[in-house]
C-alpha cells in the first residue's frame, strides 16, 4: 500500500494534501506538481511511502532543482513511484538511451555477459563488488534536505520505513495535518 502527500509551507504553518501520482511519470512532473502547491516559493515536501518497504521525500523550492532522499533504493526500484525518484543522477550513473537498452537486453531480461543478481537483487562483479549501474540497497540522495526543519542527516538515516513520515511530520510540527489526509 502506498501513501503520497504534499506538505506545503505557508505563513500559517504547513498544509497537507493527499495527492494522486497516476499522471506523474518523471521527477520533473513531480516537481511541477509540488510547485503548483507552493505559496510564494516556500518549500513543498512530497512524501511517499510504501508501507514497511521504503519512503522518499522530495523537497522543491521555487525553480531550484528538487532535492531527493530515498530510504532504500533497491526496494524503491520495485515500485513505479520509486522509479520516479530514482533518477540516473541520484544513483550516480550515466543515463542510457532506451534504444541501447532494448538492443542489449536478452529475452530473459539480462544483458549478455552481465553478472547475475545475488539473492538481494544486486548484481556483483567477479570480485564481489556491486556491478556498475547496480542499485544500492539502502539510502540514496540528499539526507540533509530536512536539516533546517530539525531533521538532520543522522536522524533521517535512522528512521524506519514504518514510522518515517509520522516522525518527519512531528519534527515539522504538522502531525495532525498530515494524519488528516492519510
N, C-alpha and C. Protein backbone atom coordinates (compact mmCIF):
# COMPACT_ATOMS: atom_id res chain seq x y z
N UNK A 1 0.84 -1.18 0.00
CA UNK A 1 0.00 0.00 0.00
C UNK A 1 0.89 1.25 0.00
N UNK A 2 0.53 2.20 -0.84
CA UNK A 2 1.28 3.44 -0.96
C UNK A 2 0.51 4.59 -0.34
N UNK A 3 1.28 5.57 0.11
CA UNK A 3 0.71 6.82 0.58
C UNK A 3 1.59 7.93 0.03
N UNK A 4 0.96 8.95 -0.52
CA UNK A 4 1.69 10.11 -1.04
C UNK A 4 0.96 11.37 -0.61
N UNK A 5 1.72 12.34 -0.13
CA UNK A 5 1.13 13.61 0.30
C UNK A 5 2.07 14.75 -0.03
N UNK A 6 1.49 15.92 -0.23
CA UNK A 6 2.24 17.15 -0.39
C UNK A 6 2.13 17.93 0.91
N UNK A 7 3.24 18.39 1.42
CA UNK A 7 3.26 19.29 2.58
C UNK A 7 3.81 20.62 2.09
N UNK A 8 2.94 21.62 2.04
CA UNK A 8 3.34 22.95 1.56
C UNK A 8 3.46 23.90 2.75
N UNK A 9 4.59 24.57 2.84
CA UNK A 9 4.81 25.53 3.92
C UNK A 9 4.14 26.84 3.55
N UNK A 10 3.35 27.36 4.48
CA UNK A 10 2.67 28.63 4.27
C UNK A 10 3.00 29.55 5.45
N UNK A 11 2.54 30.78 5.39
CA UNK A 11 2.79 31.69 6.51
C UNK A 11 2.06 31.25 7.77
N UNK A 12 1.03 30.39 7.62
CA UNK A 12 0.28 29.88 8.77
C UNK A 12 0.75 28.51 9.24
N UNK A 13 1.82 27.99 8.67
CA UNK A 13 2.31 26.66 9.02
C UNK A 13 2.31 25.76 7.79
N UNK A 14 2.14 24.48 8.01
CA UNK A 14 2.15 23.50 6.93
C UNK A 14 0.73 23.11 6.55
N UNK A 15 0.50 23.00 5.25
CA UNK A 15 -0.77 22.49 4.73
C UNK A 15 -0.47 21.19 4.03
N UNK A 16 -1.30 20.19 4.28
CA UNK A 16 -1.10 18.88 3.67
C UNK A 16 -2.23 18.58 2.70
N UNK A 17 -1.88 17.88 1.65
CA UNK A 17 -2.91 17.40 0.72
C UNK A 17 -2.50 16.04 0.22
N UNK A 18 -3.48 15.15 0.18
CA UNK A 18 -3.30 13.83 -0.39
C UNK A 18 -3.11 14.05 -1.88
N UNK A 19 -2.24 13.31 -2.50
CA UNK A 19 -2.00 13.53 -3.91
C UNK A 19 -2.00 12.23 -4.69
N UNK A 20 -2.52 12.29 -5.87
CA UNK A 20 -2.51 11.16 -6.79
C UNK A 20 -1.30 11.31 -7.70
N UNK A 21 -0.56 10.24 -7.84
CA UNK A 21 0.64 10.28 -8.67
C UNK A 21 0.45 9.52 -9.97
N UNK A 22 -0.79 9.19 -10.32
CA UNK A 22 -1.05 8.41 -11.53
C UNK A 22 -0.59 9.12 -12.80
N UNK A 23 -0.67 10.44 -12.82
CA UNK A 23 -0.30 11.21 -14.01
C UNK A 23 1.18 11.62 -13.99
N UNK A 24 1.89 11.33 -12.91
CA UNK A 24 3.28 11.71 -12.76
C UNK A 24 4.17 10.60 -13.31
N UNK A 25 5.02 10.96 -14.28
CA UNK A 25 5.89 9.96 -14.89
C UNK A 25 7.37 10.20 -14.60
N UNK A 26 7.73 11.44 -14.27
CA UNK A 26 9.14 11.77 -14.06
C UNK A 26 9.29 12.64 -12.81
N UNK A 27 10.51 12.79 -12.38
CA UNK A 27 10.80 13.68 -11.26
C UNK A 27 10.43 15.12 -11.61
N UNK A 28 10.62 15.51 -12.86
CA UNK A 28 10.25 16.86 -13.29
C UNK A 28 8.74 17.07 -13.16
N UNK A 29 7.94 16.05 -13.51
CA UNK A 29 6.49 16.14 -13.35
C UNK A 29 6.12 16.30 -11.88
N UNK A 30 6.81 15.55 -11.02
CA UNK A 30 6.55 15.62 -9.59
C UNK A 30 6.92 17.00 -9.04
N UNK A 31 8.03 17.55 -9.50
CA UNK A 31 8.45 18.89 -9.08
C UNK A 31 7.43 19.94 -9.52
N UNK A 32 6.91 19.79 -10.73
CA UNK A 32 5.89 20.73 -11.22
C UNK A 32 4.63 20.65 -10.36
N UNK A 33 4.23 19.45 -9.98
CA UNK A 33 3.06 19.25 -9.11
C UNK A 33 3.29 19.96 -7.77
N UNK A 34 4.49 19.82 -7.23
CA UNK A 34 4.82 20.46 -5.96
C UNK A 34 4.82 21.98 -6.10
N UNK A 35 5.35 22.49 -7.19
CA UNK A 35 5.39 23.95 -7.39
C UNK A 35 3.98 24.54 -7.47
N UNK A 36 3.04 23.78 -8.01
CA UNK A 36 1.66 24.25 -8.08
C UNK A 36 1.06 24.44 -6.68
N UNK A 37 1.55 23.66 -5.71
CA UNK A 37 1.05 23.75 -4.34
C UNK A 37 1.79 24.79 -3.52
N UNK A 38 2.87 25.34 -4.07
CA UNK A 38 3.72 26.28 -3.35
C UNK A 38 3.06 27.65 -3.20
N UNK A 39 3.34 28.26 -2.07
CA UNK A 39 2.89 29.62 -1.80
C UNK A 39 4.13 30.50 -1.70
N UNK A 40 4.30 31.45 -2.63
CA UNK A 40 5.42 32.39 -2.62
C UNK A 40 6.78 31.69 -2.59
N UNK A 41 6.94 30.64 -3.38
CA UNK A 41 8.20 29.89 -3.48
C UNK A 41 8.64 29.28 -2.15
N UNK A 42 7.71 29.09 -1.22
CA UNK A 42 8.02 28.41 0.04
C UNK A 42 8.26 26.93 -0.27
N UNK A 43 8.96 26.22 0.61
CA UNK A 43 9.25 24.81 0.36
C UNK A 43 7.98 23.95 0.33
N UNK A 44 8.02 22.96 -0.53
CA UNK A 44 6.99 21.94 -0.59
C UNK A 44 7.70 20.60 -0.49
N UNK A 45 7.19 19.73 0.36
CA UNK A 45 7.73 18.39 0.51
C UNK A 45 6.74 17.40 -0.07
N UNK A 46 7.23 16.53 -0.92
CA UNK A 46 6.43 15.43 -1.42
C UNK A 46 6.89 14.21 -0.64
N UNK A 47 5.98 13.61 0.08
CA UNK A 47 6.30 12.46 0.91
C UNK A 47 5.61 11.23 0.32
N UNK A 48 6.39 10.18 0.08
CA UNK A 48 5.86 8.95 -0.49
C UNK A 48 6.36 7.81 0.38
N UNK A 49 5.46 6.87 0.67
CA UNK A 49 5.90 5.68 1.39
C UNK A 49 5.19 4.46 0.85
N UNK A 50 5.92 3.37 0.82
CA UNK A 50 5.33 2.07 0.58
C UNK A 50 5.44 1.37 1.92
N UNK A 51 4.31 1.06 2.48
CA UNK A 51 4.21 0.55 3.84
C UNK A 51 5.27 -0.51 4.14
N UNK A 52 6.14 -0.20 5.06
CA UNK A 52 7.13 -1.14 5.54
C UNK A 52 8.32 -1.39 4.64
N UNK A 53 8.33 -0.86 3.41
CA UNK A 53 9.41 -1.17 2.49
C UNK A 53 10.38 0.00 2.31
N UNK A 54 9.86 1.18 2.03
CA UNK A 54 10.72 2.33 1.78
C UNK A 54 9.90 3.60 1.89
N UNK A 55 10.60 4.72 2.02
CA UNK A 55 9.95 6.03 1.95
C UNK A 55 10.87 6.97 1.19
N UNK A 56 10.26 8.01 0.64
CA UNK A 56 11.03 9.02 -0.07
C UNK A 56 10.48 10.40 0.24
N UNK A 57 11.38 11.38 0.21
CA UNK A 57 11.00 12.78 0.41
C UNK A 57 11.64 13.58 -0.71
N UNK A 58 10.84 14.42 -1.34
CA UNK A 58 11.33 15.33 -2.37
C UNK A 58 11.05 16.74 -1.87
N UNK A 59 12.06 17.57 -1.88
CA UNK A 59 11.91 18.96 -1.45
C UNK A 59 12.04 19.86 -2.68
N UNK A 60 11.02 20.69 -2.88
CA UNK A 60 11.00 21.61 -4.01
C UNK A 60 10.84 23.02 -3.47
N UNK A 61 11.73 23.92 -3.91
CA UNK A 61 11.65 25.33 -3.54
C UNK A 61 11.84 26.16 -4.79
N UNK A 62 10.81 26.91 -5.13
CA UNK A 62 10.89 27.77 -6.31
C UNK A 62 11.27 26.98 -7.54
N UNK A 63 12.18 27.55 -8.31
CA UNK A 63 12.61 26.90 -9.56
C UNK A 63 13.89 26.09 -9.39
N UNK A 64 14.34 25.94 -8.13
CA UNK A 64 15.54 25.13 -7.89
C UNK A 64 15.27 23.67 -8.24
N UNK A 65 16.34 22.94 -8.52
CA UNK A 65 16.20 21.51 -8.77
C UNK A 65 15.67 20.83 -7.51
N UNK A 66 14.82 19.83 -7.67
CA UNK A 66 14.31 19.12 -6.50
C UNK A 66 15.43 18.37 -5.79
N UNK A 67 15.34 18.33 -4.48
CA UNK A 67 16.26 17.55 -3.66
C UNK A 67 15.52 16.28 -3.24
N UNK A 68 16.18 15.14 -3.35
CA UNK A 68 15.51 13.86 -3.16
C UNK A 68 16.27 12.99 -2.16
N UNK A 69 15.50 12.31 -1.31
CA UNK A 69 16.05 11.29 -0.43
C UNK A 69 15.14 10.07 -0.53
N UNK A 70 15.75 8.89 -0.67
CA UNK A 70 15.02 7.62 -0.70
C UNK A 70 15.67 6.70 0.33
N UNK A 71 14.86 6.12 1.21
CA UNK A 71 15.39 5.32 2.31
C UNK A 71 16.02 4.00 1.88
N UNK A 72 15.52 3.39 0.82
CA UNK A 72 16.05 2.11 0.34
C UNK A 72 15.88 2.04 -1.17
N UNK A 73 16.95 2.32 -1.88
CA UNK A 73 16.88 2.39 -3.34
C UNK A 73 16.50 1.06 -3.96
N UNK A 74 17.05 -0.03 -3.44
CA UNK A 74 16.75 -1.34 -4.02
C UNK A 74 15.26 -1.67 -3.88
N UNK A 75 14.68 -1.36 -2.74
CA UNK A 75 13.24 -1.62 -2.54
C UNK A 75 12.41 -0.69 -3.43
N UNK A 76 12.84 0.55 -3.57
CA UNK A 76 12.09 1.53 -4.36
C UNK A 76 12.10 1.20 -5.85
N UNK A 77 13.13 0.49 -6.33
CA UNK A 77 13.16 0.14 -7.75
C UNK A 77 12.03 -0.81 -8.12
N UNK A 78 11.46 -1.48 -7.16
CA UNK A 78 10.35 -2.40 -7.43
C UNK A 78 9.00 -1.69 -7.40
N UNK A 79 9.03 -0.38 -7.38
CA UNK A 79 7.82 0.43 -7.29
C UNK A 79 7.80 1.45 -8.41
N UNK A 80 6.66 1.63 -9.04
CA UNK A 80 6.59 2.65 -10.10
C UNK A 80 6.82 4.05 -9.51
N UNK A 81 6.36 4.28 -8.27
CA UNK A 81 6.60 5.57 -7.64
C UNK A 81 8.06 5.73 -7.28
N UNK A 82 8.69 4.67 -6.84
CA UNK A 82 10.11 4.73 -6.53
C UNK A 82 10.95 5.03 -7.74
N UNK A 83 10.56 4.45 -8.87
CA UNK A 83 11.31 4.69 -10.10
C UNK A 83 11.26 6.15 -10.52
N UNK A 84 10.21 6.87 -10.16
CA UNK A 84 10.13 8.30 -10.46
C UNK A 84 11.25 9.04 -9.74
N UNK A 85 11.52 8.64 -8.50
CA UNK A 85 12.52 9.33 -7.68
C UNK A 85 13.95 8.92 -8.00
N UNK A 86 14.14 7.68 -8.44
CA UNK A 86 15.48 7.14 -8.63
C UNK A 86 16.03 7.48 -10.02
N UNK A 87 16.42 8.72 -10.17
CA UNK A 87 16.98 9.16 -11.44
C UNK A 87 18.41 8.65 -11.57
N UNK A 88 18.91 8.65 -12.80
CA UNK A 88 20.30 8.26 -13.04
C UNK A 88 21.25 9.13 -12.22
N UNK A 89 20.96 10.42 -12.16
CA UNK A 89 21.81 11.34 -11.40
C UNK A 89 21.84 10.96 -9.92
N UNK A 90 20.69 10.65 -9.35
CA UNK A 90 20.62 10.28 -7.94
C UNK A 90 21.41 9.00 -7.67
N UNK A 91 21.37 8.07 -8.61
CA UNK A 91 22.06 6.80 -8.45
C UNK A 91 23.52 6.85 -8.90
N UNK A 92 23.95 8.01 -9.41
CA UNK A 92 25.34 8.19 -9.80
C UNK A 92 25.73 7.38 -11.02
N UNK A 93 24.83 7.26 -11.97
CA UNK A 93 25.17 6.51 -13.18
C UNK A 93 24.87 7.35 -14.41
N UNK A 94 25.49 6.96 -15.49
CA UNK A 94 25.30 7.64 -16.76
C UNK A 94 23.95 7.22 -17.34
N UNK A 95 23.19 8.18 -17.88
CA UNK A 95 21.91 7.80 -18.48
C UNK A 95 22.13 6.95 -19.71
N UNK A 96 21.29 5.94 -19.87
CA UNK A 96 21.34 5.06 -21.03
C UNK A 96 20.25 5.46 -22.00
N UNK A 97 20.53 5.37 -23.27
CA UNK A 97 19.49 5.56 -24.26
C UNK A 97 18.57 4.36 -24.25
N UNK A 98 17.28 4.57 -24.34
CA UNK A 98 16.32 3.47 -24.30
C UNK A 98 16.58 2.50 -25.44
N UNK A 99 16.99 3.03 -26.61
CA UNK A 99 17.25 2.15 -27.74
C UNK A 99 18.42 1.24 -27.44
N UNK A 100 19.46 1.77 -26.78
CA UNK A 100 20.62 0.96 -26.43
C UNK A 100 20.22 -0.15 -25.47
N UNK A 101 19.39 0.14 -24.51
CA UNK A 101 18.97 -0.85 -23.53
C UNK A 101 18.16 -1.95 -24.22
N UNK A 102 17.24 -1.57 -25.08
CA UNK A 102 16.43 -2.56 -25.79
C UNK A 102 17.31 -3.48 -26.64
N UNK A 103 18.35 -2.91 -27.22
CA UNK A 103 19.23 -3.69 -28.08
C UNK A 103 20.07 -4.66 -27.27
N UNK A 104 20.45 -4.29 -26.05
CA UNK A 104 21.35 -5.10 -25.24
C UNK A 104 20.67 -6.17 -24.40
N UNK A 105 19.41 -6.02 -24.13
CA UNK A 105 18.73 -6.92 -23.21
C UNK A 105 18.25 -8.17 -23.95
N UNK A 106 18.59 -9.33 -23.37
CA UNK A 106 18.12 -10.60 -23.92
C UNK A 106 16.68 -10.84 -23.51
N UNK A 107 16.10 -11.89 -24.01
CA UNK A 107 14.72 -12.23 -23.68
C UNK A 107 14.53 -12.51 -22.19
N UNK A 108 15.59 -12.98 -21.50
CA UNK A 108 15.45 -13.28 -20.08
C UNK A 108 15.62 -12.04 -19.21
N UNK A 109 15.85 -10.87 -19.84
CA UNK A 109 15.95 -9.62 -19.09
C UNK A 109 17.35 -9.28 -18.64
N UNK A 110 18.34 -10.09 -19.00
CA UNK A 110 19.71 -9.78 -18.63
C UNK A 110 20.52 -9.49 -19.87
N UNK A 111 21.61 -8.78 -19.69
CA UNK A 111 22.49 -8.49 -20.80
C UNK A 111 23.46 -9.65 -20.98
N UNK A 112 23.95 -9.86 -22.21
CA UNK A 112 24.97 -10.88 -22.44
C UNK A 112 26.19 -10.56 -21.60
N UNK A 113 26.64 -11.55 -20.85
CA UNK A 113 27.84 -11.38 -20.06
C UNK A 113 27.66 -10.61 -18.78
N UNK A 114 26.47 -10.15 -18.49
CA UNK A 114 26.22 -9.38 -17.26
C UNK A 114 26.15 -10.34 -16.08
N UNK A 115 26.77 -10.00 -14.96
CA UNK A 115 26.68 -10.87 -13.79
C UNK A 115 25.23 -11.04 -13.34
N UNK A 116 24.92 -12.21 -12.86
CA UNK A 116 23.58 -12.48 -12.35
C UNK A 116 23.39 -11.80 -11.00
N UNK A 117 22.19 -11.32 -10.70
CA UNK A 117 21.95 -10.70 -9.40
C UNK A 117 22.06 -11.73 -8.27
N UNK A 118 22.52 -11.26 -7.10
CA UNK A 118 22.55 -12.13 -5.93
C UNK A 118 21.16 -12.21 -5.32
N UNK A 119 21.04 -12.88 -4.19
CA UNK A 119 19.71 -13.07 -3.58
C UNK A 119 19.05 -11.76 -3.16
N UNK A 120 19.81 -10.68 -3.01
CA UNK A 120 19.24 -9.38 -2.66
C UNK A 120 18.91 -8.56 -3.91
N UNK A 121 19.13 -9.13 -5.09
CA UNK A 121 18.79 -8.44 -6.32
C UNK A 121 19.87 -7.52 -6.83
N UNK A 122 21.08 -7.55 -6.23
CA UNK A 122 22.17 -6.69 -6.66
C UNK A 122 23.16 -7.53 -7.44
N UNK A 123 23.45 -7.13 -8.67
CA UNK A 123 24.41 -7.86 -9.48
C UNK A 123 25.81 -7.51 -9.01
N UNK A 124 26.64 -8.55 -8.80
CA UNK A 124 28.01 -8.35 -8.36
C UNK A 124 28.97 -8.69 -9.49
N UNK A 125 30.07 -7.93 -9.55
CA UNK A 125 31.14 -8.27 -10.48
C UNK A 125 31.85 -9.51 -9.93
N UNK A 126 32.79 -10.03 -10.70
CA UNK A 126 33.51 -11.24 -10.29
C UNK A 126 34.22 -11.07 -8.95
N UNK A 127 34.65 -9.85 -8.62
CA UNK A 127 35.37 -9.63 -7.37
C UNK A 127 34.45 -9.38 -6.19
N UNK A 128 33.11 -9.47 -6.38
CA UNK A 128 32.16 -9.32 -5.28
C UNK A 128 31.68 -7.91 -5.06
N UNK A 129 32.20 -6.93 -5.81
CA UNK A 129 31.73 -5.56 -5.66
C UNK A 129 30.48 -5.37 -6.51
N UNK A 130 29.60 -4.45 -6.11
CA UNK A 130 28.40 -4.22 -6.92
C UNK A 130 28.75 -3.83 -8.35
N UNK A 131 28.06 -4.39 -9.30
CA UNK A 131 28.29 -4.10 -10.71
C UNK A 131 27.95 -2.66 -11.02
N UNK A 132 28.62 -2.12 -12.03
CA UNK A 132 28.32 -0.76 -12.46
C UNK A 132 26.85 -0.68 -12.85
N UNK A 133 26.17 0.35 -12.37
CA UNK A 133 24.76 0.52 -12.69
C UNK A 133 23.82 -0.20 -11.74
N UNK A 134 24.37 -1.00 -10.82
CA UNK A 134 23.53 -1.70 -9.85
C UNK A 134 22.95 -0.69 -8.87
N UNK A 135 21.74 -0.94 -8.44
CA UNK A 135 21.08 -0.04 -7.49
C UNK A 135 21.45 -0.49 -6.08
N UNK A 136 21.97 0.42 -5.26
CA UNK A 136 22.40 0.03 -3.92
C UNK A 136 21.21 -0.25 -2.99
N UNK A 137 21.40 -1.23 -2.12
CA UNK A 137 20.42 -1.44 -1.05
C UNK A 137 20.72 -0.38 0.00
N UNK A 138 19.72 0.28 0.48
CA UNK A 138 19.92 1.32 1.48
C UNK A 138 19.63 2.70 0.93
N UNK A 139 19.90 3.71 1.75
CA UNK A 139 19.53 5.08 1.40
C UNK A 139 20.37 5.69 0.30
N UNK A 140 19.72 6.56 -0.49
CA UNK A 140 20.41 7.35 -1.51
C UNK A 140 19.82 8.75 -1.49
N UNK A 141 20.61 9.69 -1.96
CA UNK A 141 20.11 11.05 -2.10
C UNK A 141 20.63 11.99 -1.04
N UNK A 142 19.93 13.09 -0.89
CA UNK A 142 20.31 14.19 -0.02
C UNK A 142 19.72 14.01 1.37
N UNK A 143 20.47 13.39 2.27
CA UNK A 143 19.98 13.14 3.62
C UNK A 143 19.89 14.42 4.44
N UNK A 144 20.42 15.52 3.94
CA UNK A 144 20.35 16.79 4.66
C UNK A 144 19.22 17.70 4.20
N UNK A 145 18.30 17.19 3.38
CA UNK A 145 17.27 18.06 2.82
C UNK A 145 16.27 18.59 3.84
N UNK A 146 16.23 18.01 5.03
CA UNK A 146 15.31 18.48 6.07
C UNK A 146 16.03 19.07 7.29
N UNK A 147 17.33 19.25 7.19
CA UNK A 147 18.12 19.71 8.33
C UNK A 147 17.63 21.03 8.89
N UNK A 148 17.23 21.97 8.03
CA UNK A 148 16.77 23.26 8.52
C UNK A 148 15.38 23.19 9.15
N UNK A 149 14.74 22.04 9.06
CA UNK A 149 13.44 21.82 9.72
C UNK A 149 13.58 20.96 10.97
N UNK A 150 14.81 20.66 11.37
CA UNK A 150 15.02 19.90 12.60
C UNK A 150 15.23 18.41 12.43
N UNK A 151 15.35 17.95 11.19
CA UNK A 151 15.63 16.53 10.94
C UNK A 151 16.98 16.47 10.23
N UNK A 152 18.06 16.29 11.01
CA UNK A 152 19.38 16.28 10.40
C UNK A 152 19.64 14.94 9.71
N UNK A 153 20.79 14.85 9.05
CA UNK A 153 21.12 13.65 8.28
C UNK A 153 21.05 12.39 9.12
N UNK A 154 21.65 12.43 10.29
CA UNK A 154 21.69 11.25 11.15
C UNK A 154 20.27 10.82 11.53
N UNK A 155 19.44 11.78 11.87
CA UNK A 155 18.05 11.46 12.24
C UNK A 155 17.28 10.88 11.06
N UNK A 156 17.44 11.45 9.87
CA UNK A 156 16.74 10.95 8.70
C UNK A 156 17.18 9.54 8.35
N UNK A 157 18.47 9.30 8.42
CA UNK A 157 19.00 7.97 8.10
C UNK A 157 18.58 6.91 9.12
N UNK A 158 18.25 7.33 10.32
CA UNK A 158 17.87 6.36 11.36
C UNK A 158 16.37 6.03 11.35
N UNK A 159 15.58 6.75 10.56
CA UNK A 159 14.14 6.49 10.53
C UNK A 159 13.84 5.15 9.87
N UNK A 160 12.87 4.46 10.42
CA UNK A 160 12.42 3.22 9.81
C UNK A 160 11.29 3.53 8.85
N UNK A 161 11.14 2.70 7.87
CA UNK A 161 10.10 2.93 6.86
C UNK A 161 8.70 2.92 7.46
N UNK A 162 8.53 2.24 8.59
CA UNK A 162 7.22 2.15 9.23
C UNK A 162 6.73 3.49 9.77
N UNK A 163 7.62 4.25 10.39
CA UNK A 163 7.22 5.46 11.11
C UNK A 163 7.80 6.74 10.54
N UNK A 164 8.50 6.67 9.43
CA UNK A 164 9.27 7.81 8.94
C UNK A 164 8.44 9.06 8.71
N UNK A 165 7.36 8.96 7.97
CA UNK A 165 6.60 10.17 7.65
C UNK A 165 5.96 10.77 8.89
N UNK A 166 5.54 9.94 9.82
CA UNK A 166 4.98 10.46 11.08
C UNK A 166 6.06 11.20 11.87
N UNK A 167 7.26 10.65 11.93
CA UNK A 167 8.34 11.30 12.67
C UNK A 167 8.78 12.60 11.99
N UNK A 168 8.77 12.61 10.66
CA UNK A 168 9.10 13.85 9.95
C UNK A 168 8.03 14.89 10.24
N UNK A 169 6.77 14.49 10.18
CA UNK A 169 5.67 15.42 10.47
C UNK A 169 5.77 15.94 11.90
N UNK A 170 6.16 15.09 12.85
CA UNK A 170 6.36 15.53 14.24
C UNK A 170 7.40 16.64 14.30
N UNK A 171 8.53 16.43 13.62
CA UNK A 171 9.61 17.42 13.62
C UNK A 171 9.17 18.73 12.97
N UNK A 172 8.31 18.64 11.97
CA UNK A 172 7.82 19.84 11.28
C UNK A 172 6.69 20.53 12.05
N UNK A 173 6.12 19.80 13.01
CA UNK A 173 5.00 20.34 13.77
C UNK A 173 3.68 20.26 13.04
N UNK A 174 3.54 19.25 12.18
CA UNK A 174 2.31 19.15 11.39
C UNK A 174 1.75 17.72 11.38
N UNK A 175 1.90 17.02 12.50
CA UNK A 175 1.43 15.64 12.58
C UNK A 175 -0.06 15.54 12.30
N UNK A 176 -0.86 16.37 12.95
CA UNK A 176 -2.31 16.31 12.75
C UNK A 176 -2.68 16.65 11.33
N UNK A 177 -1.97 17.58 10.73
CA UNK A 177 -2.25 18.00 9.36
C UNK A 177 -2.00 16.84 8.40
N UNK A 178 -0.88 16.14 8.58
CA UNK A 178 -0.55 15.00 7.72
C UNK A 178 -1.53 13.85 7.96
N UNK A 179 -1.81 13.56 9.20
CA UNK A 179 -2.70 12.44 9.51
C UNK A 179 -4.13 12.70 9.00
N UNK A 180 -4.52 13.94 8.85
CA UNK A 180 -5.85 14.26 8.34
C UNK A 180 -6.02 13.83 6.88
N UNK A 181 -4.93 13.76 6.13
CA UNK A 181 -5.03 13.34 4.73
C UNK A 181 -4.64 11.87 4.52
N UNK A 182 -4.18 11.23 5.56
CA UNK A 182 -3.74 9.84 5.45
C UNK A 182 -4.90 8.92 5.24
